[in-house]
Amino acid sequence: MICKSGTRCPESGMWQNIDFFTTTILVAKGNKMPEYCGKKVSWKLIYKA
């Protein structure tokens, strides 16, 4: 599952950004997906929480 910065999170869980430098974050369903280092990125669901 892929979600972009600024959209609502469709599933609670651990998300990893798709970029050269990556990070992982916990996001709850319904929260807005964050930007990374000040730019919009795509986030990939690693596992559901």
PDB file of N, CA and C in Angstrom:
ATOM      1  N   MET A   1       0.846  -1.167   0.000  1.00  0.00           N
ATOM      2  CA  MET A   1       0.000   0.000   0.000  1.00  0.00           C
ATOM      3  C   MET A   1       0.899   1.240   0.000  1.00  0.00           C
ATOM      4  N   ILE A   2       0.572   2.213  -0.839  1.00  0.00           N
ATOM      5  CA  ILE A   2       1.347   3.448  -0.976  1.00  0.00           C
ATOM      6  C   ILE A   2       0.426   4.634  -0.691  1.00  0.00           C
ATOM      7  N   CYS A   3       0.964   5.638  -0.017  1.00  0.00           N
ATOM      8  CA  CYS A   3       0.206   6.839   0.340  1.00  0.00           C
ATOM      9  C   CYS A   3       1.138   8.045   0.228  1.00  0.00           C
ATOM     10  N   LYS A   4       0.618   9.187  -0.210  1.00  0.00           N
ATOM     11  CA  LYS A   4       1.449  10.385  -0.398  1.00  0.00           C
ATOM     12  C   LYS A   4       1.300  11.368   0.755  1.00  0.00           C
ATOM     13  N   SER A   5       2.328  12.172   0.971  1.00  0.00           N
ATOM     14  CA  SER A   5       2.297  13.230   1.988  1.00  0.00           C
ATOM     15  C   SER A   5       1.068  14.110   1.770  1.00  0.00           C
ATOM     16  N   GLY A   6       0.409  14.479   2.877  1.00  0.00           N
ATOM     17  CA  GLY A   6      -0.752  15.361   2.807  1.00  0.00           C
ATOM     18  C   GLY A   6      -2.078  14.647   2.693  1.00  0.00           C
ATOM     19  N   THR A   7      -2.056  13.348   2.355  1.00  0.00           N
ATOM     20  CA  THR A   7      -3.301  12.591   2.274  1.00  0.00           C
ATOM     21  C   THR A   7      -3.559  11.906   3.615  1.00  0.00           C
ATOM     22  N   ARG A   8      -4.774  11.435   3.816  1.00  0.00           N
ATOM     23  CA  ARG A   8      -5.124  10.734   5.054  1.00  0.00           C
ATOM     24  C   ARG A   8      -4.587   9.308   5.018  1.00  0.00           C
ATOM     25  N   CYS A   9      -4.060   8.886   6.146  1.00  0.00           N
ATOM     26  CA  CYS A   9      -3.514   7.533   6.264  1.00  0.00           C
ATOM     27  C   CYS A   9      -4.653   6.508   6.175  1.00  0.00           C
ATOM     28  N   PRO A  10      -4.580   5.561   5.241  1.00  0.00           N
ATOM     29  CA  PRO A  10      -5.647   4.580   5.080  1.00  0.00           C
ATOM     30  C   PRO A  10      -5.574   3.394   6.042  1.00  0.00           C
ATOM     31  N   GLU A  11      -4.422   3.199   6.693  1.00  0.00           N
ATOM     32  CA  GLU A  11      -4.222   2.033   7.568  1.00  0.00           C
ATOM     33  C   GLU A  11      -3.185   2.355   8.637  1.00  0.00           C
ATOM     34  N   SER A  12      -3.516   2.088   9.902  1.00  0.00           N
ATOM     35  CA  SER A  12      -2.556   2.304  10.987  1.00  0.00           C
ATOM     36  C   SER A  12      -1.392   1.338  10.843  1.00  0.00           C
ATOM     37  N   GLY A  13      -0.184   1.840  11.066  1.00  0.00           N
ATOM     38  CA  GLY A  13       0.968   0.955  10.993  1.00  0.00           C
ATOM     39  C   GLY A  13       2.278   1.693  10.828  1.00  0.00           C
ATOM     40  N   MET A  14       3.302   0.917  10.495  1.00  0.00           N
ATOM     41  CA  MET A  14       4.648   1.438  10.269  1.00  0.00           C
ATOM     42  C   MET A  14       4.794   1.728   8.779  1.00  0.00           C
ATOM     43  N   TRP A  15       5.186   2.959   8.482  1.00  0.00           N
ATOM     44  CA  TRP A  15       5.335   3.411   7.097  1.00  0.00           C
ATOM     45  C   TRP A  15       6.778   3.807   6.836  1.00  0.00           C
ATOM     46  N   GLN A  16       7.253   3.547   5.616  1.00  0.00           N
ATOM     47  CA  GLN A  16       8.610   3.929   5.210  1.00  0.00           C
ATOM     48  C   GLN A  16       8.507   4.775   3.946  1.00  0.00           C
ATOM     49  N   ASN A  17       9.246   5.898   3.929  1.00  0.00           N
ATOM     50  CA  ASN A  17       9.208   6.731   2.728  1.00  0.00           C
ATOM     51  C   ASN A  17       9.996   6.079   1.596  1.00  0.00           C
ATOM     52  N   ILE A  18       9.577   6.394   0.379  1.00  0.00           N
ATOM     53  CA  ILE A  18      10.226   5.856  -0.818  1.00  0.00           C
ATOM     54  C   ILE A  18      11.116   6.965  -1.362  1.00  0.00           C
ATOM     55  N   ASP A  19      12.398   6.896  -1.077  1.00  0.00           N
ATOM     56  CA  ASP A  19      13.347   7.935  -1.458  1.00  0.00           C
ATOM     57  C   ASP A  19      14.754   7.362  -1.305  1.00  0.00           C
ATOM     58  N   PHE A  20      15.754   8.151  -1.665  1.00  0.00           N
ATOM     59  CA  PHE A  20      17.145   7.724  -1.508  1.00  0.00           C
ATOM     60  C   PHE A  20      17.486   7.550  -0.030  1.00  0.00           C
ATOM     61  N   PHE A  21      17.115   8.545   0.800  1.00  0.00           N
ATOM     62  CA  PHE A  21      17.271   8.444   2.254  1.00  0.00           C
ATOM     63  C   PHE A  21      15.911   8.073   2.820  1.00  0.00           C
ATOM     64  N   THR A  22      15.866   7.025   3.636  1.00  0.00           N
ATOM     65  CA  THR A  22      14.574   6.565   4.146  1.00  0.00           C
ATOM     66  C   THR A  22      14.492   6.685   5.658  1.00  0.00           C
ATOM     67  N   THR A  23      13.259   6.703   6.118  1.00  0.00           N
ATOM     68  CA  THR A  23      12.967   6.670   7.540  1.00  0.00           C
ATOM     69  C   THR A  23      11.661   5.914   7.710  1.00  0.00           C
ATOM     70  N   THR A  24      11.384   5.461   8.912  1.00  0.00           N
ATOM     71  CA  THR A  24      10.115   4.799   9.199  1.00  0.00           C
ATOM     72  C   THR A  24       9.386   5.582  10.274  1.00  0.00           C
ATOM     73  N   ILE A  25       8.055   5.572  10.189  1.00  0.00           N
ATOM     74  CA  ILE A  25       7.215   6.292  11.144  1.00  0.00           C
ATOM     75  C   ILE A  25       5.979   5.459  11.457  1.00  0.00           C
ATOM     76  N   LEU A  26       5.419   5.677  12.641  1.00  0.00           N
ATOM     77  CA  LEU A  26       4.127   5.095  12.993  1.00  0.00           C
ATOM     78  C   LEU A  26       3.062   6.146  12.722  1.00  0.00           C
ATOM     79  N   VAL A  27       2.028   5.769  11.973  1.00  0.00           N
ATOM     80  CA  VAL A  27       0.940   6.689  11.664  1.00  0.00           C
ATOM     81  C   VAL A  27      -0.374   5.965  11.915  1.00  0.00           C
ATOM     82  N   ALA A  28      -1.300   6.652  12.593  1.00  0.00           N
ATOM     83  CA  ALA A  28      -2.617   6.087  12.859  1.00  0.00           C
ATOM     84  C   ALA A  28      -3.567   6.388  11.702  1.00  0.00           C
ATOM     85  N   LYS A  29      -4.474   5.480  11.438  1.00  0.00           N
ATOM     86  CA  LYS A  29      -5.468   5.640  10.381  1.00  0.00           C
ATOM     87  C   LYS A  29      -6.197   6.971  10.555  1.00  0.00           C
ATOM     88  N   GLY A  30      -6.339   7.718   9.472  1.00  0.00           N
ATOM     89  CA  GLY A  30      -7.052   8.994   9.494  1.00  0.00           C
ATOM     90  C   GLY A  30      -6.164  10.209   9.675  1.00  0.00           C
ATOM     91  N   ASN A  31      -4.935  10.014  10.180  1.00  0.00           N
ATOM     92  CA  ASN A  31      -4.008  11.145  10.323  1.00  0.00           C
ATOM     93  C   ASN A  31      -3.417  11.485   8.962  1.00  0.00           C
ATOM     94  N   LYS A  32      -2.963  12.735   8.823  1.00  0.00           N
ATOM     95  CA  LYS A  32      -2.324  13.139   7.568  1.00  0.00           C
ATOM     96  C   LYS A  32      -0.918  12.563   7.495  1.00  0.00           C
ATOM     97  N   MET A  33      -0.563  12.082   6.319  1.00  0.00           N
ATOM     98  CA  MET A  33       0.790  11.581   6.092  1.00  0.00           C
ATOM     99  C   MET A  33       1.732  12.778   6.026  1.00  0.00           C
ATOM    100  N   PRO A  34       2.850  12.711   6.742  1.00  0.00           N
ATOM    101  CA  PRO A  34       3.748  13.868   6.830  1.00  0.00           C
ATOM    102  C   PRO A  34       4.678  14.017   5.624  1.00  0.00           C
ATOM    103  N   GLU A  35       5.292  15.188   5.557  1.00  0.00           N
ATOM    104  CA  GLU A  35       6.373  15.423   4.606  1.00  0.00           C
ATOM    105  C   GLU A  35       7.651  14.870   5.236  1.00  0.00           C
ATOM    106  N   TYR A  36       8.694  14.717   4.432  1.00  0.00           N
ATOM    107  CA  TYR A  36       9.987  14.259   4.933  1.00  0.00           C
ATOM    108  C   TYR A  36      11.039  15.267   4.495  1.00  0.00           C
ATOM    109  N   CYS A  37      11.745  15.831   5.456  1.00  0.00           N
ATOM    110  CA  CYS A  37      12.771  16.853   5.183  1.00  0.00           C
ATOM    111  C   CYS A  37      12.202  18.006   4.363  1.00  0.00           C
ATOM    112  N   GLY A  38      10.960  18.384   4.660  1.00  0.00           N
ATOM    113  CA  GLY A  38      10.344  19.535   4.011  1.00  0.00           C
ATOM    114  C   GLY A  38       9.817  19.301   2.611  1.00  0.00           C
ATOM    115  N   LYS A  39       9.768  18.042   2.173  1.00  0.00           N
ATOM    116  CA  LYS A  39       9.223  17.789   0.837  1.00  0.00           C
ATOM    117  C   LYS A  39       8.205  16.658   0.867  1.00  0.00           C
ATOM    118  N   LYS A  40       7.285  16.709  -0.098  1.00  0.00           N
ATOM    119  CA  LYS A  40       6.267  15.672  -0.199  1.00  0.00           C
ATOM    120  C   LYS A  40       6.898  14.400  -0.748  1.00  0.00           C
ATOM    121  N   VAL A  41       6.550  13.284  -0.127  1.00  0.00           N
ATOM    122  CA  VAL A  41       7.089  11.984  -0.531  1.00  0.00           C
ATOM    123  C   VAL A  41       5.967  10.958  -0.569  1.00  0.00           C
ATOM    124  N   SER A  42       6.263   9.806  -1.102  1.00  0.00           N
ATOM    125  CA  SER A  42       5.350   8.667  -1.048  1.00  0.00           C
ATOM    126  C   SER A  42       5.779   7.783   0.116  1.00  0.00           C
ATOM    127  N   TRP A  43       4.793   7.217   0.800  1.00  0.00           N
ATOM    128  CA  TRP A  43       5.042   6.331   1.937  1.00  0.00           C
ATOM    129  C   TRP A  43       4.516   4.942   1.612  1.00  0.00           C
ATOM    130  N   LYS A  44       5.281   3.922   1.989  1.00  0.00           N
ATOM    131  CA  LYS A  44       4.911   2.522   1.763  1.00  0.00           C
ATOM    132  C   LYS A  44       4.630   1.873   3.116  1.00  0.00           C
ATOM    133  N   LEU A  45       3.507   1.168   3.218  1.00  0.00           N
ATOM    134  CA  LEU A  45       3.160   0.468   4.456  1.00  0.00           C
ATOM    135  C   LEU A  45       4.072  -0.741   4.626  1.00  0.00           C
ATOM    136  N   ILE A  46       4.804  -0.767   5.752  1.00  0.00           N
ATOM    137  CA  ILE A  46       5.715  -1.878   6.050  1.00  0.00           C
ATOM    138  C   ILE A  46       4.962  -2.981   6.795  1.00  0.00           C
ATOM    139  N   TYR A  47       4.217  -2.586   7.845  1.00  0.00           N
ATOM    140  CA  TYR A  47       3.341  -3.540   8.520  1.00  0.00           C
ATOM    141  C   TYR A  47       2.228  -2.817   9.256  1.00  0.00           C
ATOM    142  N   LYS A  48       1.109  -3.512   9.398  1.00  0.00           N
ATOM    143  CA  LYS A  48      -0.065  -2.952  10.069  1.00  0.00           C
ATOM    144  C   LYS A  48       0.121  -2.996  11.575  1.00  0.00           C
ATOM    145  N   ALA A  49      -0.448  -1.995  12.247  1.00  0.00           N
ATOM    146  CA  ALA A  49      -0.358  -1.948  13.712  1.00  0.00           C
ATOM    147  C   ALA A  49      -1.713  -2.229  14.330  1.00  0.00           C
TER     148      ALA A  49
END
